[in-house]
């Protein structure tokens, strides 16, 4: 814990810290804290993509061991690969960008409306959760026309292929307390 604070102080002295690198649009709270933890535990990208560290596993046991260990070791890197694939999917689909703009526009309008006064329908006050659900309902046809369902499955499939193949073929990082294992004869 103390070493982490020292690293943060050194980074802040250089003018860069995890908190300054995070987008200002992400509000303080659990989401921002989770993203900061992911960013703090990210492994070096050079080691992550080093081509000399890739090889075919010798047997099924080694494959399973590589999958488990690499997913644990490179978990934060895999999160950012997933976020990158989402960003790629959104940027390359203009209709999905329009649907997202409609949804966030509706949410922003509702946010401005709640700052002025409470929204009342049929004599009852509508909670913010119900208002955002209404925004989702209004923008649902736009998401349907944009093919958001297929985009979600494309991102999930691409993520499984990229992360699964990396974890299966990337050699395991050596650790000090690693047990000796016997080779099959």
N, C-alpha and C. Protein backbone atom coordinates (compact mmCIF):
# COMPACT_ATOMS: atom_id res chain seq x y z
N UNK A 1 0.82 -1.19 0.00
CA UNK A 1 0.00 0.00 0.00
C UNK A 1 0.87 1.25 0.00
N UNK A 2 1.93 1.24 0.82
CA UNK A 2 2.81 2.40 0.89
C UNK A 2 3.58 2.56 -0.41
N UNK A 3 3.96 1.42 -1.01
CA UNK A 3 4.69 1.48 -2.29
C UNK A 3 3.81 2.07 -3.38
N UNK A 4 2.53 1.73 -3.36
CA UNK A 4 1.60 2.26 -4.35
C UNK A 4 1.46 3.78 -4.19
N UNK A 5 1.38 4.25 -2.96
CA UNK A 5 1.27 5.69 -2.73
C UNK A 5 2.55 6.41 -3.16
N UNK A 6 3.71 5.77 -2.95
CA UNK A 6 4.96 6.36 -3.41
C UNK A 6 4.99 6.46 -4.93
N UNK A 7 4.51 5.42 -5.60
CA UNK A 7 4.45 5.45 -7.07
C UNK A 7 3.53 6.55 -7.54
N UNK A 8 2.38 6.71 -6.87
CA UNK A 8 1.45 7.77 -7.25
C UNK A 8 2.08 9.14 -7.06
N UNK A 9 2.84 9.33 -5.95
CA UNK A 9 3.49 10.61 -5.72
C UNK A 9 4.54 10.88 -6.78
N UNK A 10 5.32 9.83 -7.16
CA UNK A 10 6.31 10.00 -8.21
C UNK A 10 5.65 10.36 -9.53
N UNK A 11 4.53 9.71 -9.85
CA UNK A 11 3.82 10.00 -11.09
C UNK A 11 3.25 11.41 -11.07
N UNK A 12 2.73 11.83 -9.91
CA UNK A 12 2.19 13.17 -9.81
C UNK A 12 3.29 14.21 -9.93
N UNK A 13 4.48 13.89 -9.43
CA UNK A 13 5.61 14.81 -9.56
C UNK A 13 6.00 14.99 -11.03
N UNK A 14 5.83 13.91 -11.82
CA UNK A 14 6.11 13.99 -13.25
C UNK A 14 4.96 14.64 -14.01
N UNK A 15 3.85 14.87 -13.34
CA UNK A 15 2.71 15.52 -13.98
C UNK A 15 1.66 14.55 -14.49
N UNK A 16 1.86 13.26 -14.29
CA UNK A 16 0.91 12.27 -14.74
C UNK A 16 0.48 11.41 -13.56
N UNK A 17 -0.82 11.22 -13.42
CA UNK A 17 -1.32 10.30 -12.42
C UNK A 17 -2.56 9.63 -12.99
N UNK A 18 -2.94 8.51 -12.37
CA UNK A 18 -4.10 7.78 -12.86
C UNK A 18 -5.36 8.64 -12.80
N UNK A 19 -5.44 9.50 -11.79
CA UNK A 19 -6.64 10.32 -11.66
C UNK A 19 -6.68 11.41 -12.71
N UNK A 20 -5.52 11.93 -13.15
CA UNK A 20 -5.54 12.98 -14.17
C UNK A 20 -5.70 12.39 -15.56
N UNK A 21 -5.35 11.12 -15.73
CA UNK A 21 -5.48 10.51 -17.05
C UNK A 21 -6.89 10.01 -17.33
N UNK A 22 -7.69 9.84 -16.29
CA UNK A 22 -9.06 9.38 -16.49
C UNK A 22 -9.90 10.50 -17.08
N UNK A 23 -10.83 10.14 -17.94
CA UNK A 23 -11.68 11.18 -18.52
C UNK A 23 -12.47 11.92 -17.44
N UNK A 24 -12.64 13.21 -17.66
CA UNK A 24 -13.36 14.04 -16.68
C UNK A 24 -14.86 13.73 -16.67
N UNK A 25 -15.35 13.05 -17.71
CA UNK A 25 -16.78 12.76 -17.79
C UNK A 25 -17.20 11.65 -16.83
N UNK A 26 -16.24 10.84 -16.37
CA UNK A 26 -16.59 9.76 -15.46
C UNK A 26 -16.69 10.34 -14.06
N UNK A 27 -17.87 10.30 -13.46
CA UNK A 27 -18.04 10.90 -12.13
C UNK A 27 -17.37 10.07 -11.05
N UNK A 28 -17.10 10.70 -9.92
CA UNK A 28 -16.53 9.97 -8.79
C UNK A 28 -17.55 8.96 -8.31
N UNK A 29 -17.07 7.81 -7.91
CA UNK A 29 -17.95 6.76 -7.44
C UNK A 29 -17.34 5.40 -7.72
N UNK A 30 -18.15 4.37 -7.60
CA UNK A 30 -17.63 3.00 -7.76
C UNK A 30 -17.07 2.74 -9.17
N UNK A 31 -17.69 3.28 -10.20
CA UNK A 31 -17.21 3.07 -11.56
C UNK A 31 -15.84 3.66 -11.78
N UNK A 32 -15.64 4.85 -11.30
CA UNK A 32 -14.34 5.51 -11.45
C UNK A 32 -13.28 4.80 -10.62
N UNK A 33 -13.62 4.36 -9.40
CA UNK A 33 -12.68 3.63 -8.56
C UNK A 33 -12.28 2.31 -9.21
N UNK A 34 -13.26 1.61 -9.81
CA UNK A 34 -12.97 0.35 -10.49
C UNK A 34 -12.02 0.58 -11.66
N UNK A 35 -12.28 1.63 -12.44
CA UNK A 35 -11.43 1.94 -13.58
C UNK A 35 -10.02 2.34 -13.12
N UNK A 36 -9.91 3.06 -12.01
CA UNK A 36 -8.60 3.42 -11.47
C UNK A 36 -7.84 2.18 -11.02
N UNK A 37 -8.54 1.22 -10.39
CA UNK A 37 -7.88 -0.02 -9.98
C UNK A 37 -7.40 -0.81 -11.19
N UNK A 38 -8.23 -0.87 -12.23
CA UNK A 38 -7.84 -1.56 -13.47
C UNK A 38 -6.60 -0.90 -14.06
N UNK A 39 -6.59 0.40 -14.08
CA UNK A 39 -5.48 1.13 -14.67
C UNK A 39 -4.20 0.95 -13.86
N UNK A 40 -4.35 0.86 -12.54
CA UNK A 40 -3.18 0.70 -11.68
C UNK A 40 -2.56 -0.70 -11.80
N UNK A 41 -3.37 -1.70 -12.13
CA UNK A 41 -2.86 -3.07 -12.20
C UNK A 41 -2.59 -3.54 -13.62
N UNK A 42 -2.54 -2.62 -14.57
CA UNK A 42 -2.29 -3.01 -15.95
C UNK A 42 -0.83 -3.45 -16.11
N UNK A 43 -0.63 -4.51 -16.85
CA UNK A 43 0.72 -5.03 -17.10
C UNK A 43 1.32 -4.31 -18.30
N UNK A 44 2.64 -4.30 -18.43
CA UNK A 44 3.27 -3.61 -19.56
C UNK A 44 2.79 -4.16 -20.90
N UNK A 45 2.43 -3.26 -21.80
CA UNK A 45 1.90 -3.68 -23.10
C UNK A 45 2.99 -4.35 -23.94
N UNK A 46 4.25 -3.99 -23.71
CA UNK A 46 5.34 -4.62 -24.45
C UNK A 46 5.41 -6.11 -24.17
N UNK A 47 5.29 -6.49 -22.90
CA UNK A 47 5.29 -7.91 -22.53
C UNK A 47 4.00 -8.58 -22.99
N UNK A 48 2.92 -7.83 -23.03
CA UNK A 48 1.62 -8.37 -23.42
C UNK A 48 1.61 -8.80 -24.89
N UNK A 49 2.27 -8.05 -25.76
CA UNK A 49 2.24 -8.34 -27.20
C UNK A 49 3.57 -8.88 -27.73
N UNK A 50 4.51 -9.20 -26.85
CA UNK A 50 5.81 -9.72 -27.27
C UNK A 50 5.63 -11.03 -28.04
N UNK A 51 5.98 -11.03 -29.32
CA UNK A 51 5.75 -12.19 -30.18
C UNK A 51 6.63 -13.37 -29.81
N UNK A 52 7.75 -13.12 -29.19
CA UNK A 52 8.63 -14.21 -28.80
C UNK A 52 8.10 -15.00 -27.61
N UNK A 53 7.10 -14.48 -26.94
CA UNK A 53 6.52 -15.16 -25.78
C UNK A 53 5.34 -16.05 -26.17
N UNK A 54 5.02 -16.14 -27.46
CA UNK A 54 3.90 -16.96 -27.90
C UNK A 54 4.41 -18.32 -28.38
N UNK A 55 3.74 -19.36 -27.98
CA UNK A 55 4.06 -20.71 -28.44
C UNK A 55 2.82 -21.58 -28.28
N UNK A 56 2.86 -22.70 -28.97
CA UNK A 56 1.75 -23.64 -28.89
C UNK A 56 1.88 -24.46 -27.61
N UNK A 57 0.79 -24.60 -26.85
CA UNK A 57 0.87 -25.43 -25.64
C UNK A 57 1.12 -26.89 -26.01
N UNK A 58 1.87 -27.58 -25.16
CA UNK A 58 2.24 -28.97 -25.46
C UNK A 58 1.08 -29.93 -25.29
N UNK A 59 0.21 -29.67 -24.33
CA UNK A 59 -0.90 -30.59 -24.08
C UNK A 59 -2.09 -29.81 -23.51
N UNK A 60 -3.17 -30.51 -23.28
CA UNK A 60 -4.39 -29.87 -22.79
C UNK A 60 -4.21 -29.30 -21.39
N UNK A 61 -3.43 -29.97 -20.56
CA UNK A 61 -3.18 -29.48 -19.20
C UNK A 61 -2.46 -28.13 -19.22
N UNK A 62 -1.45 -28.01 -20.09
CA UNK A 62 -0.74 -26.74 -20.20
C UNK A 62 -1.64 -25.66 -20.77
N UNK A 63 -2.49 -26.02 -21.71
CA UNK A 63 -3.44 -25.06 -22.28
C UNK A 63 -4.35 -24.50 -21.19
N UNK A 64 -4.92 -25.38 -20.39
CA UNK A 64 -5.81 -24.93 -19.31
C UNK A 64 -5.06 -24.08 -18.29
N UNK A 65 -3.83 -24.48 -17.97
CA UNK A 65 -3.03 -23.72 -17.01
C UNK A 65 -2.72 -22.33 -17.56
N UNK A 66 -2.38 -22.25 -18.85
CA UNK A 66 -2.09 -20.96 -19.46
C UNK A 66 -3.33 -20.07 -19.46
N UNK A 67 -4.48 -20.64 -19.79
CA UNK A 67 -5.71 -19.85 -19.81
C UNK A 67 -5.97 -19.23 -18.45
N UNK A 68 -5.91 -20.05 -17.41
CA UNK A 68 -6.22 -19.56 -16.06
C UNK A 68 -5.19 -18.53 -15.60
N UNK A 69 -3.92 -18.84 -15.74
CA UNK A 69 -2.87 -17.95 -15.24
C UNK A 69 -2.81 -16.64 -16.02
N UNK A 70 -2.94 -16.70 -17.36
CA UNK A 70 -2.87 -15.48 -18.15
C UNK A 70 -4.08 -14.58 -17.93
N UNK A 71 -5.26 -15.18 -17.76
CA UNK A 71 -6.44 -14.36 -17.48
C UNK A 71 -6.29 -13.66 -16.13
N UNK A 72 -5.73 -14.34 -15.16
CA UNK A 72 -5.48 -13.70 -13.86
C UNK A 72 -4.41 -12.62 -13.98
N UNK A 73 -3.33 -12.93 -14.68
CA UNK A 73 -2.19 -12.02 -14.75
C UNK A 73 -2.49 -10.79 -15.60
N UNK A 74 -3.13 -10.98 -16.74
CA UNK A 74 -3.39 -9.89 -17.68
C UNK A 74 -4.84 -9.39 -17.63
N UNK A 75 -5.51 -9.57 -16.51
CA UNK A 75 -6.93 -9.22 -16.40
C UNK A 75 -7.20 -7.77 -16.80
N UNK A 76 -6.41 -6.84 -16.32
CA UNK A 76 -6.64 -5.43 -16.63
C UNK A 76 -6.38 -5.14 -18.11
N UNK A 77 -5.36 -5.77 -18.68
CA UNK A 77 -5.10 -5.59 -20.11
C UNK A 77 -6.28 -6.09 -20.93
N UNK A 78 -6.84 -7.22 -20.52
CA UNK A 78 -7.98 -7.78 -21.25
C UNK A 78 -9.20 -6.87 -21.15
N UNK A 79 -9.38 -6.20 -20.01
CA UNK A 79 -10.49 -5.25 -19.87
C UNK A 79 -10.34 -4.13 -20.89
N UNK A 80 -9.11 -3.62 -21.05
CA UNK A 80 -8.90 -2.53 -22.00
C UNK A 80 -8.99 -3.01 -23.45
N UNK A 81 -8.66 -4.28 -23.71
CA UNK A 81 -8.88 -4.84 -25.05
C UNK A 81 -10.38 -4.87 -25.33
N UNK A 82 -11.16 -5.30 -24.35
CA UNK A 82 -12.62 -5.34 -24.49
C UNK A 82 -13.19 -3.95 -24.74
N UNK A 83 -12.73 -2.96 -23.97
CA UNK A 83 -13.21 -1.59 -24.17
C UNK A 83 -12.79 -1.05 -25.54
N UNK A 84 -11.61 -1.43 -25.99
CA UNK A 84 -11.16 -1.02 -27.33
C UNK A 84 -12.02 -1.62 -28.43
N UNK A 85 -12.43 -2.87 -28.26
CA UNK A 85 -13.31 -3.49 -29.26
C UNK A 85 -14.70 -2.83 -29.26
N UNK A 86 -15.18 -2.45 -28.09
CA UNK A 86 -16.46 -1.73 -28.02
C UNK A 86 -16.33 -0.40 -28.75
N UNK A 87 -15.27 0.32 -28.48
CA UNK A 87 -15.04 1.61 -29.13
C UNK A 87 -14.94 1.45 -30.65
N UNK A 88 -14.22 0.43 -31.10
CA UNK A 88 -14.10 0.16 -32.54
C UNK A 88 -15.48 -0.11 -33.15
N UNK A 89 -16.28 -0.90 -32.48
CA UNK A 89 -17.60 -1.24 -32.99
C UNK A 89 -18.49 0.00 -33.09
N UNK A 90 -18.45 0.85 -32.09
CA UNK A 90 -19.28 2.05 -32.08
C UNK A 90 -18.82 3.05 -33.15
N UNK A 91 -17.51 3.23 -33.26
CA UNK A 91 -16.99 4.21 -34.21
C UNK A 91 -17.23 3.78 -35.65
N UNK A 92 -17.19 2.48 -35.92
CA UNK A 92 -17.35 2.01 -37.30
C UNK A 92 -18.81 1.79 -37.69
N UNK A 93 -19.73 2.08 -36.81
CA UNK A 93 -21.15 1.91 -37.13
C UNK A 93 -21.86 3.26 -36.96
N UNK A 94 -22.07 4.00 -38.06
CA UNK A 94 -22.71 5.32 -37.95
C UNK A 94 -24.11 5.27 -37.35
N UNK A 95 -24.88 4.24 -37.68
CA UNK A 95 -26.23 4.15 -37.13
C UNK A 95 -26.20 3.93 -35.61
N UNK A 96 -25.22 3.17 -35.16
CA UNK A 96 -25.09 2.97 -33.71
C UNK A 96 -24.69 4.26 -33.02
N UNK A 97 -23.88 5.06 -33.69
CA UNK A 97 -23.53 6.38 -33.14
C UNK A 97 -24.77 7.26 -33.03
N UNK A 98 -25.65 7.21 -34.03
CA UNK A 98 -26.89 7.99 -34.00
C UNK A 98 -27.78 7.51 -32.85
N UNK A 99 -27.89 6.19 -32.69
CA UNK A 99 -28.73 5.64 -31.62
C UNK A 99 -28.19 6.04 -30.25
N UNK A 100 -26.87 5.98 -30.09
CA UNK A 100 -26.28 6.41 -28.81
C UNK A 100 -26.49 7.90 -28.58
N UNK A 101 -26.40 8.69 -29.65
CA UNK A 101 -26.63 10.13 -29.52
C UNK A 101 -28.07 10.41 -29.10
N UNK A 102 -29.03 9.67 -29.66
CA UNK A 102 -30.43 9.84 -29.27
C UNK A 102 -30.62 9.47 -27.80
N UNK A 103 -30.03 8.35 -27.38
CA UNK A 103 -30.18 7.92 -25.99
C UNK A 103 -29.57 8.92 -25.02
N UNK A 104 -28.31 9.31 -25.27
CA UNK A 104 -27.66 10.25 -24.36
C UNK A 104 -28.28 11.64 -24.43
N UNK A 105 -28.79 12.01 -25.60
CA UNK A 105 -29.51 13.28 -25.72
C UNK A 105 -30.78 13.27 -24.87
N UNK A 106 -31.52 12.17 -24.93
CA UNK A 106 -32.73 12.05 -24.11
C UNK A 106 -32.39 12.07 -22.62
N UNK A 107 -31.32 11.40 -22.24
CA UNK A 107 -30.90 11.41 -20.83
C UNK A 107 -30.48 12.82 -20.40
N UNK A 108 -29.79 13.53 -21.27
CA UNK A 108 -29.36 14.89 -20.94
C UNK A 108 -30.56 15.82 -20.80
N UNK A 109 -31.53 15.68 -21.68
CA UNK A 109 -32.75 16.50 -21.60
C UNK A 109 -33.47 16.21 -20.28
N UNK A 110 -33.57 14.94 -19.91
CA UNK A 110 -34.20 14.59 -18.64
C UNK A 110 -33.42 15.15 -17.46
N UNK A 111 -32.10 15.12 -17.55
CA UNK A 111 -31.26 15.66 -16.49
C UNK A 111 -31.51 17.16 -16.33
N UNK A 112 -31.55 17.89 -17.45
CA UNK A 112 -31.81 19.33 -17.38
C UNK A 112 -33.21 19.60 -16.85
N UNK A 113 -34.15 18.77 -17.23
CA UNK A 113 -35.55 18.93 -16.78
C UNK A 113 -35.65 18.74 -15.27
N UNK A 114 -34.93 17.76 -14.73
CA UNK A 114 -35.01 17.51 -13.28
C UNK A 114 -34.30 18.61 -12.49
N UNK A 115 -33.37 19.32 -13.12
CA UNK A 115 -32.74 20.44 -12.43
C UNK A 115 -33.73 21.59 -12.24
N UNK A 116 -34.64 21.75 -13.21
CA UNK A 116 -35.61 22.84 -13.14
C UNK A 116 -36.74 22.50 -12.17
N UNK A 117 -37.35 21.35 -12.37
CA UNK A 117 -38.45 20.95 -11.49
C UNK A 117 -38.67 19.45 -11.62
N UNK A 118 -39.44 18.90 -10.69
CA UNK A 118 -39.75 17.48 -10.72
C UNK A 118 -40.72 17.19 -11.87
N UNK A 119 -40.55 16.04 -12.50
CA UNK A 119 -41.44 15.63 -13.58
C UNK A 119 -42.66 14.94 -12.98
N UNK A 120 -43.84 15.44 -13.30
CA UNK A 120 -45.08 14.89 -12.77
C UNK A 120 -45.95 14.45 -13.93
N UNK A 121 -46.36 13.18 -13.92
CA UNK A 121 -47.27 12.63 -14.92
C UNK A 121 -48.49 12.06 -14.21
N UNK A 122 -49.67 12.47 -14.65
CA UNK A 122 -50.94 12.00 -14.08
C UNK A 122 -50.99 12.18 -12.57
N UNK A 123 -50.43 13.29 -12.09
CA UNK A 123 -50.49 13.61 -10.68
C UNK A 123 -49.48 12.88 -9.81
N UNK A 124 -48.58 12.11 -10.42
CA UNK A 124 -47.57 11.38 -9.66
C UNK A 124 -46.18 11.81 -10.11
N UNK A 125 -45.29 11.93 -9.14
CA UNK A 125 -43.91 12.28 -9.44
C UNK A 125 -43.18 11.06 -10.03
N UNK A 126 -42.48 11.29 -11.13
CA UNK A 126 -41.76 10.20 -11.79
C UNK A 126 -40.31 10.20 -11.29
N UNK A 127 -39.87 9.05 -10.79
CA UNK A 127 -38.51 8.95 -10.25
C UNK A 127 -37.48 9.02 -11.38
N UNK A 128 -36.25 9.41 -11.05
CA UNK A 128 -35.20 9.46 -12.09
C UNK A 128 -34.97 8.12 -12.77
N UNK A 129 -35.06 7.02 -12.04
CA UNK A 129 -34.86 5.70 -12.65
C UNK A 129 -35.92 5.44 -13.71
N UNK A 130 -37.18 5.82 -13.42
CA UNK A 130 -38.25 5.64 -14.40
C UNK A 130 -38.07 6.58 -15.59
N UNK A 131 -37.54 7.77 -15.34
CA UNK A 131 -37.30 8.70 -16.44
C UNK A 131 -36.24 8.15 -17.39
N UNK A 132 -35.16 7.59 -16.85
CA UNK A 132 -34.12 7.02 -17.70
C UNK A 132 -34.60 5.76 -18.40
N UNK A 133 -35.48 5.01 -17.76
CA UNK A 133 -36.08 3.86 -18.43
C UNK A 133 -36.93 4.33 -19.60
N UNK A 134 -37.63 5.44 -19.43
CA UNK A 134 -38.41 6.02 -20.52
C UNK A 134 -37.49 6.47 -21.66
N UNK A 135 -36.34 7.06 -21.32
CA UNK A 135 -35.36 7.44 -22.35
C UNK A 135 -34.87 6.22 -23.10
N UNK A 136 -34.64 5.12 -22.39
CA UNK A 136 -34.24 3.88 -23.04
C UNK A 136 -35.33 3.33 -23.93
N UNK A 137 -36.58 3.44 -23.48
CA UNK A 137 -37.70 2.98 -24.29
C UNK A 137 -37.87 3.81 -25.56
N UNK A 138 -37.66 5.12 -25.44
CA UNK A 138 -37.77 6.00 -26.61
C UNK A 138 -36.66 5.70 -27.61
N UNK A 139 -35.46 5.42 -27.12
CA UNK A 139 -34.33 5.19 -28.02
C UNK A 139 -34.21 3.74 -28.47
N UNK A 140 -35.01 2.83 -27.92
CA UNK A 140 -34.93 1.41 -28.30
C UNK A 140 -35.12 1.19 -29.80
N UNK A 141 -36.10 1.83 -30.43
CA UNK A 141 -36.23 1.61 -31.89
C UNK A 141 -34.99 2.02 -32.67
N UNK A 142 -34.30 3.06 -32.21
CA UNK A 142 -33.07 3.47 -32.88
C UNK A 142 -31.97 2.42 -32.71
N UNK A 143 -31.88 1.85 -31.51
CA UNK A 143 -30.90 0.78 -31.30
C UNK A 143 -31.25 -0.44 -32.13
N UNK A 144 -32.52 -0.75 -32.25
CA UNK A 144 -32.95 -1.91 -33.03
C UNK A 144 -32.62 -1.70 -34.51
N UNK A 145 -32.90 -0.50 -35.03
CA UNK A 145 -32.59 -0.21 -36.43
C UNK A 145 -31.07 -0.18 -36.67
N UNK A 146 -30.31 0.21 -35.67
CA UNK A 146 -28.85 0.29 -35.82
C UNK A 146 -28.18 -1.08 -35.71
N UNK A 147 -28.93 -2.08 -35.30
CA UNK A 147 -28.35 -3.42 -35.16
C UNK A 147 -27.50 -3.55 -33.92
N UNK A 148 -27.93 -2.96 -32.83
CA UNK A 148 -27.15 -2.99 -31.59
C UNK A 148 -27.02 -4.42 -31.06
N UNK A 149 -28.03 -5.24 -31.27
CA UNK A 149 -27.95 -6.63 -30.80
C UNK A 149 -26.82 -7.39 -31.47
N UNK A 150 -26.70 -7.24 -32.78
CA UNK A 150 -25.61 -7.92 -33.48
C UNK A 150 -24.26 -7.32 -33.09
N UNK A 151 -24.23 -6.03 -32.82
CA UNK A 151 -22.98 -5.39 -32.39
C UNK A 151 -22.53 -5.95 -31.04
N UNK A 152 -23.47 -6.16 -30.14
CA UNK A 152 -23.14 -6.72 -28.82
C UNK A 152 -22.55 -8.12 -28.98
N UNK A 153 -23.20 -8.95 -29.82
CA UNK A 153 -22.69 -10.30 -30.00
C UNK A 153 -21.37 -10.31 -30.76
N UNK A 154 -21.16 -9.36 -31.67
CA UNK A 154 -19.88 -9.26 -32.36
C UNK A 154 -18.77 -8.92 -31.37
N UNK A 155 -19.04 -7.95 -30.49
CA UNK A 155 -18.03 -7.55 -29.50
C UNK A 155 -17.73 -8.72 -28.56
N UNK A 156 -18.75 -9.41 -28.10
CA UNK A 156 -18.52 -10.56 -27.20
C UNK A 156 -17.72 -11.66 -27.90
N UNK A 157 -18.08 -11.97 -29.14
CA UNK A 157 -17.37 -13.01 -29.88
C UNK A 157 -15.93 -12.62 -30.17
N UNK A 158 -15.74 -11.39 -30.62
CA UNK A 158 -14.37 -10.93 -30.91
C UNK A 158 -13.54 -10.91 -29.64
N UNK A 159 -14.14 -10.52 -28.54
CA UNK A 159 -13.42 -10.50 -27.26
C UNK A 159 -13.00 -11.90 -26.86
N UNK A 160 -13.92 -12.86 -26.97
CA UNK A 160 -13.58 -14.23 -26.61
C UNK A 160 -12.48 -14.79 -27.50
N UNK A 161 -12.52 -14.50 -28.79
CA UNK A 161 -11.49 -15.00 -29.70
C UNK A 161 -10.13 -14.35 -29.40
N UNK A 162 -10.10 -13.03 -29.27
CA UNK A 162 -8.83 -12.34 -29.05
C UNK A 162 -8.24 -12.71 -27.69
N UNK A 163 -9.03 -12.60 -26.64
CA UNK A 163 -8.52 -12.89 -25.30
C UNK A 163 -8.23 -14.38 -25.14
N UNK A 164 -9.10 -15.22 -25.65
CA UNK A 164 -8.88 -16.67 -25.54
C UNK A 164 -7.63 -17.11 -26.26
N UNK A 165 -7.41 -16.61 -27.47
CA UNK A 165 -6.21 -17.01 -28.21
C UNK A 165 -4.95 -16.44 -27.56
N UNK A 166 -5.02 -15.21 -27.06
CA UNK A 166 -3.85 -14.65 -26.38
C UNK A 166 -3.53 -15.45 -25.13
N UNK A 167 -4.54 -15.73 -24.33
CA UNK A 167 -4.31 -16.46 -23.08
C UNK A 167 -3.83 -17.88 -23.34
N UNK A 168 -4.28 -18.50 -24.43
CA UNK A 168 -3.89 -19.88 -24.72
C UNK A 168 -2.48 -19.98 -25.27
N UNK A 169 -2.05 -19.02 -26.06
CA UNK A 169 -0.76 -19.13 -26.73
C UNK A 169 0.36 -18.31 -26.09
N UNK A 170 0.05 -17.44 -25.15
CA UNK A 170 1.08 -16.64 -24.49
C UNK A 170 1.67 -17.46 -23.36
N UNK A 171 2.99 -17.55 -23.31
CA UNK A 171 3.65 -18.32 -22.27
C UNK A 171 3.40 -17.68 -20.91
N UNK A 172 3.34 -18.51 -19.91
CA UNK A 172 3.04 -18.06 -18.55
C UNK A 172 4.22 -17.30 -17.99
N UNK A 173 3.92 -16.20 -17.29
CA UNK A 173 4.95 -15.42 -16.62
C UNK A 173 5.54 -16.26 -15.49
N UNK A 174 6.85 -16.29 -15.39
CA UNK A 174 7.51 -17.05 -14.32
C UNK A 174 7.38 -16.29 -13.01
N UNK A 175 7.08 -17.01 -11.95
CA UNK A 175 6.99 -16.40 -10.63
C UNK A 175 7.99 -17.08 -9.70
N UNK A 176 8.35 -16.41 -8.63
CA UNK A 176 9.36 -16.93 -7.71
C UNK A 176 8.89 -18.19 -6.98
N UNK A 177 7.65 -18.21 -6.57
CA UNK A 177 7.13 -19.33 -5.78
C UNK A 177 6.51 -20.42 -6.63
N UNK A 178 6.86 -20.49 -7.90
CA UNK A 178 6.24 -21.48 -8.78
C UNK A 178 6.75 -22.87 -8.42
N UNK A 179 5.83 -23.82 -8.37
CA UNK A 179 6.18 -25.18 -8.02
C UNK A 179 6.84 -25.86 -9.21
N UNK A 180 7.68 -26.84 -8.91
CA UNK A 180 8.28 -27.64 -9.96
C UNK A 180 7.24 -28.60 -10.49
N UNK A 181 7.22 -28.76 -11.78
CA UNK A 181 6.26 -29.69 -12.37
C UNK A 181 7.03 -30.72 -13.18
N UNK A 182 6.53 -31.93 -13.14
CA UNK A 182 7.19 -33.03 -13.84
C UNK A 182 6.69 -33.09 -15.27
N UNK A 183 7.60 -33.36 -16.19
CA UNK A 183 7.25 -33.52 -17.59
C UNK A 183 6.73 -34.93 -17.80
N UNK A 184 5.72 -35.09 -18.67
CA UNK A 184 5.28 -36.46 -18.98
C UNK A 184 6.36 -37.18 -19.80
N UNK A 185 6.50 -38.46 -19.54
CA UNK A 185 7.54 -39.25 -20.22
C UNK A 185 6.98 -39.93 -21.44
